[in-house]
């Protein structure tokens, strides 16, 4: 894992925040927007924690949280994209969905590697 991935998860959280700032305010949207904001920042925060893990088992546990939060991001991005009526946000949704899928792939591969080393 690297500083580059640390920066990338932070950038993802910022980009999600920027997207969410453009989504209309309503009771329905606010619920999903709040969830998306929480889990996007959680990826970056928990990845940072994983980088400070005290053991391989601790690293695996923390990275598993990162993977779960990334999956949650994917879900809320999909929901918001489905209900989005502002076509000017389409490119943002496509870009962020692509990024979260790439991040999930990285985290899954990292978990597999860490688990194989732990055994």
C-alpha atoms as a PDB file:
ATOM      1  CA  UNK A   1       0.000   0.000   0.000  1.00  0.00           C
ATOM      2  CA  UNK A   2       1.229   3.422  -0.681  1.00  0.00           C
ATOM      3  CA  UNK A   3       0.946   7.135  -0.269  1.00  0.00           C
ATOM      4  CA  UNK A   4      -0.597   7.187  -3.741  1.00  0.00           C
ATOM      5  CA  UNK A   5      -3.535   5.068  -2.586  1.00  0.00           C
ATOM      6  CA  UNK A   6      -3.862   7.163   0.554  1.00  0.00           C
ATOM      7  CA  UNK A   7      -4.087  10.262  -1.660  1.00  0.00           C
ATOM      8  CA  UNK A   8      -6.476   8.529  -4.040  1.00  0.00           C
ATOM      9  CA  UNK A   9      -8.946   7.583  -1.281  1.00  0.00           C
ATOM     10  CA  UNK A  10      -8.810  11.144   0.038  1.00  0.00           C
ATOM     11  CA  UNK A  11      -9.423  12.545  -3.452  1.00  0.00           C
ATOM     12  CA  UNK A  12     -12.373  10.173  -3.848  1.00  0.00           C
ATOM     13  CA  UNK A  13     -13.923  11.523  -0.622  1.00  0.00           C
ATOM     14  CA  UNK A  14     -13.435  15.097  -1.846  1.00  0.00           C
ATOM     15  CA  UNK A  15     -14.903  14.298  -5.269  1.00  0.00           C
ATOM     16  CA  UNK A  16     -17.937  12.659  -3.644  1.00  0.00           C
ATOM     17  CA  UNK A  17     -18.385  15.741  -1.475  1.00  0.00           C
ATOM     18  CA  UNK A  18     -18.277  17.944  -4.581  1.00  0.00           C
ATOM     19  CA  UNK A  19     -20.881  15.763  -6.310  1.00  0.00           C
ATOM     20  CA  UNK A  20     -23.122  15.753  -3.237  1.00  0.00           C
ATOM     21  CA  UNK A  21     -22.967  19.538  -3.042  1.00  0.00           C
ATOM     22  CA  UNK A  22     -24.703  19.626  -6.446  1.00  0.00           C
ATOM     23  CA  UNK A  23     -27.520  17.216  -5.581  1.00  0.00           C
ATOM     24  CA  UNK A  24     -30.885  18.820  -4.731  1.00  0.00           C
ATOM     25  CA  UNK A  25     -31.909  19.110  -1.094  1.00  0.00           C
ATOM     26  CA  UNK A  26     -34.942  17.037  -0.219  1.00  0.00           C
ATOM     27  CA  UNK A  27     -35.805  14.589   2.515  1.00  0.00           C
ATOM     28  CA  UNK A  28     -35.318  11.676   0.136  1.00  0.00           C
ATOM     29  CA  UNK A  29     -32.044  12.800  -1.427  1.00  0.00           C
ATOM     30  CA  UNK A  30     -30.603  13.975   1.896  1.00  0.00           C
ATOM     31  CA  UNK A  31     -30.776  10.489   3.383  1.00  0.00           C
ATOM     32  CA  UNK A  32     -28.729   8.945   0.575  1.00  0.00           C
ATOM     33  CA  UNK A  33     -26.388  11.924   0.280  1.00  0.00           C
ATOM     34  CA  UNK A  34     -25.590  11.758   4.003  1.00  0.00           C
ATOM     35  CA  UNK A  35     -24.897   8.028   3.776  1.00  0.00           C
ATOM     36  CA  UNK A  36     -22.669   8.526   0.744  1.00  0.00           C
ATOM     37  CA  UNK A  37     -20.726  11.327   2.410  1.00  0.00           C
ATOM     38  CA  UNK A  38     -20.146   9.217   5.520  1.00  0.00           C
ATOM     39  CA  UNK A  39     -18.973   6.096   3.733  1.00  0.00           C
ATOM     40  CA  UNK A  40     -16.778   7.967   1.224  1.00  0.00           C
ATOM     41  CA  UNK A  41     -14.849   9.692   3.982  1.00  0.00           C
ATOM     42  CA  UNK A  42     -14.768   6.419   5.907  1.00  0.00           C
ATOM     43  CA  UNK A  43     -12.802   4.766   3.102  1.00  0.00           C
ATOM     44  CA  UNK A  44     -10.033   7.337   3.401  1.00  0.00           C
ATOM     45  CA  UNK A  45     -10.046   7.395   7.211  1.00  0.00           C
ATOM     46  CA  UNK A  46     -10.047   3.621   7.590  1.00  0.00           C
ATOM     47  CA  UNK A  47      -7.401   3.176   4.915  1.00  0.00           C
ATOM     48  CA  UNK A  48      -5.184   5.532   6.916  1.00  0.00           C
ATOM     49  CA  UNK A  49      -5.874   3.421  10.004  1.00  0.00           C
ATOM     50  CA  UNK A  50      -4.984   0.253   8.090  1.00  0.00           C
ATOM     51  CA  UNK A  51      -1.646   1.798   7.196  1.00  0.00           C
ATOM     52  CA  UNK A  52      -0.945   2.112  10.932  1.00  0.00           C
ATOM     53  CA  UNK A  53      -1.983  -1.468  11.743  1.00  0.00           C
ATOM     54  CA  UNK A  54      -0.055  -3.137  14.515  1.00  0.00           C
ATOM     55  CA  UNK A  55      -0.053  -6.578  12.925  1.00  0.00           C
ATOM     56  CA  UNK A  56      -1.020  -8.378   9.747  1.00  0.00           C
ATOM     57  CA  UNK A  57      -4.280  -9.506  11.392  1.00  0.00           C
ATOM     58  CA  UNK A  58      -5.032  -5.912  12.421  1.00  0.00           C
ATOM     59  CA  UNK A  59      -4.258  -4.753   8.861  1.00  0.00           C
ATOM     60  CA  UNK A  60      -6.624  -7.351   7.392  1.00  0.00           C
ATOM     61  CA  UNK A  61      -9.420  -6.368   9.783  1.00  0.00           C
ATOM     62  CA  UNK A  62      -9.050  -2.672   9.011  1.00  0.00           C
ATOM     63  CA  UNK A  63      -8.764  -3.210   5.272  1.00  0.00           C
ATOM     64  CA  UNK A  64     -11.919  -5.345   5.383  1.00  0.00           C
ATOM     65  CA  UNK A  65     -13.737  -2.301   6.803  1.00  0.00           C
ATOM     66  CA  UNK A  66     -12.364  -0.239   3.908  1.00  0.00           C
ATOM     67  CA  UNK A  67     -13.672  -2.815   1.433  1.00  0.00           C
ATOM     68  CA  UNK A  68     -17.124  -2.817   3.077  1.00  0.00           C
ATOM     69  CA  UNK A  69     -17.288   0.979   3.041  1.00  0.00           C
ATOM     70  CA  UNK A  70     -16.248   1.012  -0.625  1.00  0.00           C
ATOM     71  CA  UNK A  71     -19.039  -1.436  -1.442  1.00  0.00           C
ATOM     72  CA  UNK A  72     -21.480   0.806   0.429  1.00  0.00           C
ATOM     73  CA  UNK A  73     -20.239   3.751  -1.658  1.00  0.00           C
ATOM     74  CA  UNK A  74     -20.941   1.844  -4.817  1.00  0.00           C
ATOM     75  CA  UNK A  75     -24.484   1.126  -3.620  1.00  0.00           C
ATOM     76  CA  UNK A  76     -25.344   4.731  -2.719  1.00  0.00           C
ATOM     77  CA  UNK A  77     -23.762   6.080  -5.906  1.00  0.00           C
ATOM     78  CA  UNK A  78     -25.947   3.667  -7.878  1.00  0.00           C
ATOM     79  CA  UNK A  79     -29.082   4.758  -6.007  1.00  0.00           C
ATOM     80  CA  UNK A  80     -28.390   8.447  -6.422  1.00  0.00           C
ATOM     81  CA  UNK A  81     -27.552   7.983 -10.082  1.00  0.00           C
ATOM     82  CA  UNK A  82     -30.824   6.111 -10.594  1.00  0.00           C
ATOM     83  CA  UNK A  83     -32.865   8.956  -9.081  1.00  0.00           C
ATOM     84  CA  UNK A  84     -30.765  11.770 -10.525  1.00  0.00           C
ATOM     85  CA  UNK A  85     -32.672  14.013 -12.914  1.00  0.00           C
ATOM     86  CA  UNK A  86     -29.856  16.486 -13.553  1.00  0.00           C
ATOM     87  CA  UNK A  87     -28.057  15.312 -16.692  1.00  0.00           C
ATOM     88  CA  UNK A  88     -25.162  17.677 -15.945  1.00  0.00           C
ATOM     89  CA  UNK A  89     -24.156  15.243 -13.157  1.00  0.00           C
ATOM     90  CA  UNK A  90     -24.050  12.169 -15.406  1.00  0.00           C
ATOM     91  CA  UNK A  91     -20.307  12.426 -16.090  1.00  0.00           C
ATOM     92  CA  UNK A  92     -19.589  12.794 -12.360  1.00  0.00           C
ATOM     93  CA  UNK A  93     -21.562   9.661 -11.570  1.00  0.00           C
ATOM     94  CA  UNK A  94     -19.842   7.685 -14.322  1.00  0.00           C
ATOM     95  CA  UNK A  95     -16.377   8.841 -13.204  1.00  0.00           C
ATOM     96  CA  UNK A  96     -17.034   8.133  -9.513  1.00  0.00           C
ATOM     97  CA  UNK A  97     -18.566   4.726 -10.242  1.00  0.00           C
ATOM     98  CA  UNK A  98     -15.487   3.836 -12.286  1.00  0.00           C
ATOM     99  CA  UNK A  99     -13.198   5.019  -9.490  1.00  0.00           C
ATOM    100  CA  UNK A 100     -15.027   3.136  -6.738  1.00  0.00           C
ATOM    101  CA  UNK A 101     -14.959  -0.055  -8.807  1.00  0.00           C
ATOM    102  CA  UNK A 102     -11.203   0.328  -9.302  1.00  0.00           C
ATOM    103  CA  UNK A 103     -10.709   0.977  -5.586  1.00  0.00           C
ATOM    104  CA  UNK A 104     -12.795  -2.069  -4.655  1.00  0.00           C
ATOM    105  CA  UNK A 105     -10.656  -4.197  -6.972  1.00  0.00           C
ATOM    106  CA  UNK A 106      -7.486  -2.876  -5.338  1.00  0.00           C
ATOM    107  CA  UNK A 107      -8.799  -3.527  -1.822  1.00  0.00           C
ATOM    108  CA  UNK A 108      -9.990  -7.048  -2.687  1.00  0.00           C
ATOM    109  CA  UNK A 109      -6.609  -7.895  -4.243  1.00  0.00           C
ATOM    110  CA  UNK A 110      -4.789  -6.416  -1.249  1.00  0.00           C
ATOM    111  CA  UNK A 111      -6.896  -8.466   1.137  1.00  0.00           C
ATOM    112  CA  UNK A 112      -6.149 -11.654  -0.807  1.00  0.00           C
ATOM    113  CA  UNK A 113      -2.435 -10.911  -0.712  1.00  0.00           C
ATOM    114  CA  UNK A 114      -2.456 -10.062   2.985  1.00  0.00           C
ATOM    115  CA  UNK A 115      -4.454 -13.185   3.832  1.00  0.00           C
ATOM    116  CA  UNK A 116      -2.079 -15.410   1.860  1.00  0.00           C
ATOM    117  CA  UNK A 117       0.899 -13.927   3.717  1.00  0.00           C
ATOM    118  CA  UNK A 118      -0.863 -14.322   7.062  1.00  0.00           C
ATOM    119  CA  UNK A 119      -1.499 -18.039   6.578  1.00  0.00           C
END
